[in-house]
Protein backbone atom coordinates (compact mmCIF):
# COMPACT_ATOMS: atom_id res chain seq x y z
CA MET A 1 0.07 0.18 0.34
CA THR A 2 1.20 3.22 -0.57
CA ALA A 3 1.11 6.22 1.49
CA SER A 4 -1.65 7.63 -0.39
CA THR A 5 -3.98 4.93 -0.68
CA PRO A 6 -6.93 6.40 1.37
CA ALA A 7 -7.26 4.22 4.61
CA SER A 8 -11.29 3.22 3.86
CA THR A 9 -10.20 1.40 0.72
CA VAL A 10 -7.98 -0.59 3.03
CA PRO A 11 -8.95 -4.33 3.79
CA ARG A 12 -9.33 -4.68 7.19
CA HIS A 13 -7.24 -7.90 6.97
CA GLN A 14 -4.48 -7.93 4.02
CA ILE A 15 -0.51 -8.58 4.26
CA ARG A 16 1.60 -6.24 2.64
CA ALA A 17 5.24 -6.31 3.09
CA LEU A 18 8.52 -5.33 0.73
CA HIS A 19 8.94 -7.99 -1.36
CA THR A 20 10.51 -9.45 -4.61
CA ALA A 21 10.01 -12.82 -6.61
CA GLY A 22 11.95 -15.05 -4.40
CA THR A 23 11.93 -12.97 -0.97
CA VAL A 24 9.73 -11.00 1.80
CA THR A 25 11.49 -8.19 4.01
CA VAL A 26 9.80 -8.88 7.87
CA TYR A 27 11.15 -7.12 11.14
CA GLN A 28 12.32 -8.03 14.57
CA ALA A 29 14.31 -6.07 17.43
CA TYR A 30 16.51 -6.97 19.45
CA THR A 31 19.38 -6.02 22.28
CA PRO A 32 22.73 -5.07 20.35
CA SER A 33 24.09 -8.22 21.98
CA LEU A 34 22.38 -10.40 19.42
CA GLY A 35 20.88 -8.14 17.04
CA LEU A 36 24.19 -6.49 15.61
CA PRO A 37 26.25 -10.27 15.63
CA ALA A 38 22.92 -10.97 13.43
CA ALA A 39 23.44 -8.16 11.11
CA ARG A 40 27.19 -8.81 10.62
CA ASP A 41 26.77 -12.13 9.85
CA GLY A 42 23.93 -12.02 8.20
CA ARG A 43 22.50 -14.95 10.34
CA PHE A 44 21.01 -15.58 13.48
CA PRO A 45 23.93 -16.14 16.05
CA ALA A 46 24.16 -19.55 17.89
CA ALA A 47 22.64 -17.48 20.96
CA TRP A 48 19.31 -17.15 19.04
CA LYS A 49 17.25 -19.10 21.19
CA ARG A 50 15.59 -21.71 18.07
CA ASP A 51 13.23 -23.23 20.91
CA ARG A 52 11.21 -20.08 21.95
CA MET A 53 8.81 -18.21 19.91
CA THR A 54 9.34 -16.02 18.03
CA TRP A 55 7.15 -13.42 15.96
CA ILE A 56 7.79 -11.42 13.03
CA LYS A 57 6.53 -8.40 11.33
CA PRO A 58 5.90 -7.68 7.85
CA SER A 59 4.95 -3.96 8.58
CA PHE A 60 7.77 -1.46 9.24
CA LEU A 61 5.77 1.08 11.21
CA TRP A 62 4.39 -1.99 12.90
CA MET A 63 7.96 -2.92 14.46
CA MET A 64 8.37 0.85 15.31
CA TYR A 65 5.48 0.86 17.55
CA ARG A 66 6.29 -2.35 18.99
CA CYS A 67 10.06 -1.23 19.65
CA GLY A 68 9.36 3.09 19.95
CA TRP A 69 11.96 3.30 17.23
CA GLY A 70 14.07 1.40 18.63
CA THR A 71 14.23 3.17 21.99
CA LYS A 72 13.08 0.65 24.14
CA GLU A 73 15.23 -1.70 26.47
CA GLY A 74 15.85 -5.06 25.02
CA GLN A 75 14.93 -3.51 21.22
CA GLU A 76 17.53 -0.93 20.25
CA THR A 77 19.05 -3.04 17.26
CA VAL A 78 16.13 -3.14 14.63
CA LEU A 79 16.64 -5.97 11.93
CA ALA A 80 15.46 -6.21 8.55
CA VAL A 81 15.13 -10.33 7.85
CA GLU A 82 14.64 -11.31 4.35
CA ILE A 83 13.38 -14.54 4.50
CA THR A 84 12.46 -16.84 1.08
CA ARG A 85 8.88 -16.52 0.35
CA GLU A 86 8.56 -20.28 0.55
CA GLY A 87 9.50 -20.60 3.71
CA PHE A 88 7.11 -17.55 4.76
CA ASP A 89 4.15 -19.22 2.93
CA TRP A 90 4.71 -22.22 4.30
CA ALA A 91 4.40 -21.05 7.67
CA LEU A 92 1.45 -18.81 6.41
CA ALA A 93 -0.09 -22.27 5.38
CA HIS A 94 0.52 -24.11 8.68
CA ALA A 95 -0.47 -21.46 10.83
CA GLU A 96 -3.38 -20.85 13.29
CA LEU A 97 -4.70 -17.81 14.46
CA SER A 98 -3.62 -16.49 17.81
CA HIS A 99 -7.09 -16.09 19.69
CA TYR A 100 -10.35 -17.96 19.10
CA GLU A 101 -12.85 -16.72 16.70
CA ARG A 102 -16.97 -17.86 17.05
CA GLY A 103 -18.03 -18.86 13.53
CA VAL A 104 -14.04 -19.53 12.02
CA HIS A 105 -13.50 -22.30 14.33
CA PRO A 106 -15.70 -25.30 15.46
CA ASP A 107 -15.16 -24.33 18.85
CA ARG A 108 -13.18 -23.23 21.42
CA ALA A 109 -11.27 -26.53 22.14
CA THR A 110 -10.59 -27.69 18.61
CA TRP A 111 -9.07 -24.53 17.96
CA GLN A 112 -6.89 -24.89 21.25
CA ARG A 113 -5.59 -28.38 19.99
CA ASP A 114 -5.01 -27.22 16.64
CA LEU A 115 -3.28 -24.14 18.16
CA ARG A 116 -0.84 -26.35 20.01
CA ARG A 117 0.23 -28.69 17.27
CA ALA A 118 0.59 -25.39 14.90
CA PRO A 119 4.24 -24.49 13.84
CA ALA A 120 2.78 -20.88 13.39
CA ARG A 121 0.24 -18.49 14.80
CA VAL A 122 -1.31 -15.93 12.65
CA GLN A 123 -2.31 -12.48 15.07
CA TRP A 124 -4.02 -9.43 13.40
CA ASP A 125 -3.35 -5.88 15.28
CA PRO A 126 -4.00 -2.45 14.53
CA GLU A 127 -1.46 -1.07 11.50
CA ARG A 128 0.00 1.96 12.23
CA ASP A 129 0.69 5.67 10.85
CA LEU A 130 3.90 7.67 10.92
CA HIS A 131 2.93 9.04 14.03
CA LEU A 132 2.16 5.63 15.40
CA ASN A 133 -1.36 5.81 15.80
CA ARG A 134 -3.88 3.19 15.18
CA LEU A 135 -5.21 2.88 11.79
CA THR A 136 -8.41 1.15 11.17
CA TYR A 137 -7.00 -1.98 9.25
CA ARG A 138 -4.84 -5.05 10.44
CA SER A 139 -1.08 -5.57 10.40
CA LEU A 140 0.23 -8.94 10.60
CA GLN A 141 2.26 -10.57 13.31
CA LEU A 142 3.49 -14.26 12.47
CA GLY A 143 4.59 -16.71 15.17
CA LEU A 144 7.09 -19.10 14.50
CA ALA A 145 7.69 -22.02 16.94
CA GLY A 146 9.22 -25.38 16.73
CA GLU A 147 10.14 -26.25 13.55
CA ALA A 148 8.87 -23.27 12.04
CA SER A 149 11.96 -21.11 14.05
CA ARG A 150 14.24 -23.42 13.77
CA ARG A 151 13.69 -23.15 9.96
CA TYR A 152 13.31 -19.20 9.78
CA ALA A 153 16.83 -19.33 11.40
CA ASP A 154 18.46 -21.61 9.88
CA GLU A 155 17.07 -22.43 6.21
CA TRP A 156 14.44 -19.07 5.07
CA THR A 157 16.67 -16.63 6.35
CA VAL A 158 18.54 -14.84 3.16
CA ALA A 159 20.10 -11.60 4.38
CA ILE A 160 19.67 -9.32 7.77
CA ARG A 161 20.04 -5.92 8.21
CA ASP A 162 20.21 -3.09 10.50
CA VAL A 163 17.70 -1.05 10.11
CA THR A 164 17.98 0.86 13.50
CA PRO A 165 19.86 4.06 11.99
CA LEU A 166 17.11 3.90 9.17
CA ALA A 167 14.43 4.17 11.86
CA ARG A 168 16.00 6.85 14.04
CA GLU A 169 15.95 9.20 10.69
CA ILE A 170 12.61 8.14 10.30
CA HIS A 171 11.46 9.29 13.52
CA ALA A 172 13.73 12.45 13.80
CA LEU A 173 11.75 13.72 10.75
CA VAL A 174 8.46 12.66 11.89
CA ARG A 175 9.21 14.83 15.33
CA ALA A 176 10.63 17.93 12.96
CA GLY A 177 6.86 17.69 11.05
CA GLU A 178 8.49 16.95 7.92
CA THR A 179 6.05 13.65 7.01
CA GLU A 180 6.74 13.98 3.71
CA ALA A 181 10.07 13.67 4.06
CA ALA A 182 9.88 10.84 6.50
CA THR A 183 7.26 9.08 4.34
CA ALA A 184 9.78 8.72 1.23
CA LEU A 185 11.86 6.98 3.27
CA LEU A 186 9.80 4.26 4.59
CA PRO A 187 10.00 0.39 2.60
CA ASP A 188 7.57 0.10 -0.29
CA GLU A 189 5.06 -2.47 1.05
CA ARG A 190 2.86 -3.50 -1.23
CA VAL A 191 -0.33 -6.25 -1.01
CA TYR A 192 1.40 -9.75 -0.81
CA PRO A 193 0.38 -12.42 -2.77
CA ALA A 194 -0.38 -14.61 0.24
CA PRO A 195 -1.96 -18.76 0.17
CA ALA A 196 -5.30 -18.59 0.12
CA ALA A 197 -5.53 -20.75 3.25
CA VAL A 198 -4.32 -17.80 5.87
CA PRO A 199 -6.46 -17.41 9.02
CA GLY A 200 -8.00 -14.27 8.91
CA PRO A 201 -8.16 -12.82 5.82
CA ALA A 202 -11.11 -14.82 4.10
CA SER A 203 -12.97 -16.44 7.02
CA SER A 204 -12.23 -14.23 9.82
CA PRO A 205 -15.27 -11.50 10.64
CA SER A 206 -14.40 -7.72 10.18
């Protein structure tokens, strides 16, 4: 979606991301002791816990909301992680919604069982604008656990960049009231052609 796209025309559930024919970029924020080695080596270090759930965000501005433009403790290093579309699509296709939805799931017990078994989970949170205010439509957060987490770190990752300087530059422009200049620096996040079975966009009520 471009900055000029009216919010009223954006579907409530839609994946938007910086992507190429073979990769999609997601964002995470870490302490410098973990984030800087990851960016330097282009892969996650051994200290990155592959047995824990990790959340990846295709939305740069939602990541800025989550990490406070890289100012929150433990989230001072913002990473742009370029992963294969094959891996991203696999995670989406094997994901379960992070919360129970009446009308989407047969019952709560079935959802809980499917959630325990799923290697990934989908969560839809309000997208953010340059001032980190809530928008009317949602942004994807994708949680990876077990097999998905390990494959993300060791198979799907193509490149890792430290985009903390970019975050700080955009934030400075926003604070100075230079909205147009700040917008021009945002990643080009376009509608992502996700697999048909992604939990939420097609099945979850608005």
